[in-house]
C-alpha atoms as a PDB file:
ATOM      1  CA  UNK A   1      78.604 111.588 -39.671  1.00  0.00           C
ATOM      2  CA  UNK A   2      78.200 115.208 -38.722  1.00  0.00           C
ATOM      3  CA  UNK A   3      74.670 116.410 -39.432  1.00  0.00           C
ATOM      4  CA  UNK A   4      75.784 119.651 -41.031  1.00  0.00           C
ATOM      5  CA  UNK A   5      78.045 117.695 -43.404  1.00  0.00           C
ATOM      6  CA  UNK A   6      75.126 115.472 -44.336  1.00  0.00           C
ATOM      7  CA  UNK A   7      73.071 118.557 -45.204  1.00  0.00           C
ATOM      8  CA  UNK A   8      75.905 119.874 -47.345  1.00  0.00           C
ATOM      9  CA  UNK A   9      76.242 116.524 -49.121  1.00  0.00           C
ATOM     10  CA  UNK A  10      72.496 116.435 -49.725  1.00  0.00           C
ATOM     11  CA  UNK A  11      72.494 119.949 -51.145  1.00  0.00           C
ATOM     12  CA  UNK A  12      75.409 119.433 -53.520  1.00  0.00           C
ATOM     13  CA  UNK A  13      74.316 115.962 -54.574  1.00  0.00           C
ATOM     14  CA  UNK A  14      70.943 117.415 -55.580  1.00  0.00           C
ATOM     15  CA  UNK A  15      72.660 119.982 -57.777  1.00  0.00           C
ATOM     16  CA  UNK A  16      74.973 117.406 -59.351  1.00  0.00           C
ATOM     17  CA  UNK A  17      72.172 114.882 -59.937  1.00  0.00           C
ATOM     18  CA  UNK A  18      70.001 117.544 -61.538  1.00  0.00           C
ATOM     19  CA  UNK A  19      72.769 118.570 -63.935  1.00  0.00           C
ATOM     20  CA  UNK A  20      73.629 114.969 -64.811  1.00  0.00           C
ATOM     21  CA  UNK A  21      69.978 114.124 -65.360  1.00  0.00           C
ATOM     22  CA  UNK A  22      69.527 117.084 -67.692  1.00  0.00           C
ATOM     23  CA  UNK A  23      72.635 116.101 -69.680  1.00  0.00           C
ATOM     24  CA  UNK A  24      71.589 112.435 -69.879  1.00  0.00           C
ATOM     25  CA  UNK A  25      67.955 112.882 -70.952  1.00  0.00           C
ATOM     26  CA  UNK A  26      66.947 113.405 -74.566  1.00  0.00           C
ATOM     27  CA  UNK A  27      65.326 116.665 -75.663  1.00  0.00           C
ATOM     28  CA  UNK A  28      62.177 114.839 -76.749  1.00  0.00           C
ATOM     29  CA  UNK A  29      60.828 111.457 -75.590  1.00  0.00           C
ATOM     30  CA  UNK A  30      62.254 108.672 -77.734  1.00  0.00           C
ATOM     31  CA  UNK A  31      61.834 105.318 -76.005  1.00  0.00           C
ATOM     32  CA  UNK A  32      58.833 103.611 -74.471  1.00  0.00           C
ATOM     33  CA  UNK A  33      60.108 104.508 -70.988  1.00  0.00           C
ATOM     34  CA  UNK A  34      60.438 108.167 -71.995  1.00  0.00           C
ATOM     35  CA  UNK A  35      56.820 108.253 -73.128  1.00  0.00           C
ATOM     36  CA  UNK A  36      55.751 106.513 -69.908  1.00  0.00           C
ATOM     37  CA  UNK A  37      57.672 109.068 -67.837  1.00  0.00           C
ATOM     38  CA  UNK A  38      56.190 111.936 -69.844  1.00  0.00           C
ATOM     39  CA  UNK A  39      52.687 110.548 -69.314  1.00  0.00           C
ATOM     40  CA  UNK A  40      53.362 110.093 -65.593  1.00  0.00           C
ATOM     41  CA  UNK A  41      54.474 113.711 -65.261  1.00  0.00           C
ATOM     42  CA  UNK A  42      51.418 114.867 -67.253  1.00  0.00           C
ATOM     43  CA  UNK A  43      49.130 113.220 -64.721  1.00  0.00           C
ATOM     44  CA  UNK A  44      50.971 114.428 -61.651  1.00  0.00           C
ATOM     45  CA  UNK A  45      51.181 117.654 -59.729  1.00  0.00           C
ATOM     46  CA  UNK A  46      54.499 118.467 -61.450  1.00  0.00           C
ATOM     47  CA  UNK A  47      53.089 118.869 -64.964  1.00  0.00           C
ATOM     48  CA  UNK A  48      53.499 122.647 -65.135  1.00  0.00           C
ATOM     49  CA  UNK A  49      56.869 123.473 -63.687  1.00  0.00           C
ATOM     50  CA  UNK A  50      58.789 126.640 -63.253  1.00  0.00           C
ATOM     51  CA  UNK A  51      61.220 125.992 -66.124  1.00  0.00           C
ATOM     52  CA  UNK A  52      59.832 125.534 -69.615  1.00  0.00           C
ATOM     53  CA  UNK A  53      62.370 125.197 -72.374  1.00  0.00           C
ATOM     54  CA  UNK A  54      61.360 125.225 -76.020  1.00  0.00           C
ATOM     55  CA  UNK A  55      64.648 123.541 -76.985  1.00  0.00           C
ATOM     56  CA  UNK A  56      64.523 120.716 -74.401  1.00  0.00           C
ATOM     57  CA  UNK A  57      60.892 120.274 -73.345  1.00  0.00           C
ATOM     58  CA  UNK A  58      61.096 116.660 -72.151  1.00  0.00           C
ATOM     59  CA  UNK A  59      64.381 117.025 -70.295  1.00  0.00           C
ATOM     60  CA  UNK A  60      63.203 120.242 -68.637  1.00  0.00           C
ATOM     61  CA  UNK A  61      59.969 118.625 -67.440  1.00  0.00           C
ATOM     62  CA  UNK A  62      61.698 115.578 -65.979  1.00  0.00           C
ATOM     63  CA  UNK A  63      64.412 117.655 -64.298  1.00  0.00           C
ATOM     64  CA  UNK A  64      61.750 119.975 -62.899  1.00  0.00           C
ATOM     65  CA  UNK A  65      59.789 117.064 -61.422  1.00  0.00           C
ATOM     66  CA  UNK A  66      62.974 115.487 -60.068  1.00  0.00           C
ATOM     67  CA  UNK A  67      64.249 118.672 -58.434  1.00  0.00           C
ATOM     68  CA  UNK A  68      60.917 119.382 -56.744  1.00  0.00           C
ATOM     69  CA  UNK A  69      60.592 115.807 -55.497  1.00  0.00           C
ATOM     70  CA  UNK A  70      64.213 115.754 -54.322  1.00  0.00           C
ATOM     71  CA  UNK A  71      63.827 119.054 -52.469  1.00  0.00           C
ATOM     72  CA  UNK A  72      60.643 117.980 -50.695  1.00  0.00           C
ATOM     73  CA  UNK A  73      61.909 114.521 -49.724  1.00  0.00           C
ATOM     74  CA  UNK A  74      65.302 115.834 -48.595  1.00  0.00           C
ATOM     75  CA  UNK A  75      63.664 118.635 -46.614  1.00  0.00           C
ATOM     76  CA  UNK A  76      61.352 116.239 -44.817  1.00  0.00           C
ATOM     77  CA  UNK A  77      64.194 113.798 -44.137  1.00  0.00           C
ATOM     78  CA  UNK A  78      66.507 116.512 -42.788  1.00  0.00           C
ATOM     79  CA  UNK A  79      63.698 117.976 -40.687  1.00  0.00           C
ATOM     80  CA  UNK A  80      63.006 114.632 -39.078  1.00  0.00           C
ATOM     81  CA  UNK A  81      66.686 113.825 -38.668  1.00  0.00           C
ATOM     82  CA  UNK A  82      67.551 117.170 -37.057  1.00  0.00           C
ATOM     83  CA  UNK A  83      64.384 117.630 -35.012  1.00  0.00           C
ATOM     84  CA  UNK A  84      66.271 117.357 -31.716  1.00  0.00           C
ATOM     85  CA  UNK A  85      68.618 120.175 -32.728  1.00  0.00           C
ATOM     86  CA  UNK A  86      65.670 122.359 -33.677  1.00  0.00           C
ATOM     87  CA  UNK A  87      63.871 121.608 -30.390  1.00  0.00           C
ATOM     88  CA  UNK A  88      67.031 122.589 -28.451  1.00  0.00           C
ATOM     89  CA  UNK A  89      67.160 125.940 -30.267  1.00  0.00           C
ATOM     90  CA  UNK A  90      63.466 126.665 -29.577  1.00  0.00           C
ATOM     91  CA  UNK A  91      63.667 125.759 -25.878  1.00  0.00           C
END
């Protein structure tokens, strides 16, 4: 697979997954898993995100934590995967 195509797939899949996650999650925690996830986010670094919705507080918090985690993990993975291309550009 071409590395630039993989980056494009990673970028667009992050957008699509974020939208689907926001549509799938309830506005407020309802189940035991929802409360567990809410508690996990409360005790993590992602508790105060950049998007705070008064209409969908739970969904916004989970999507915020997901998008930050996805961006960091994908960035690290792509940086490691394309390190040889970056070294060629620098040299």
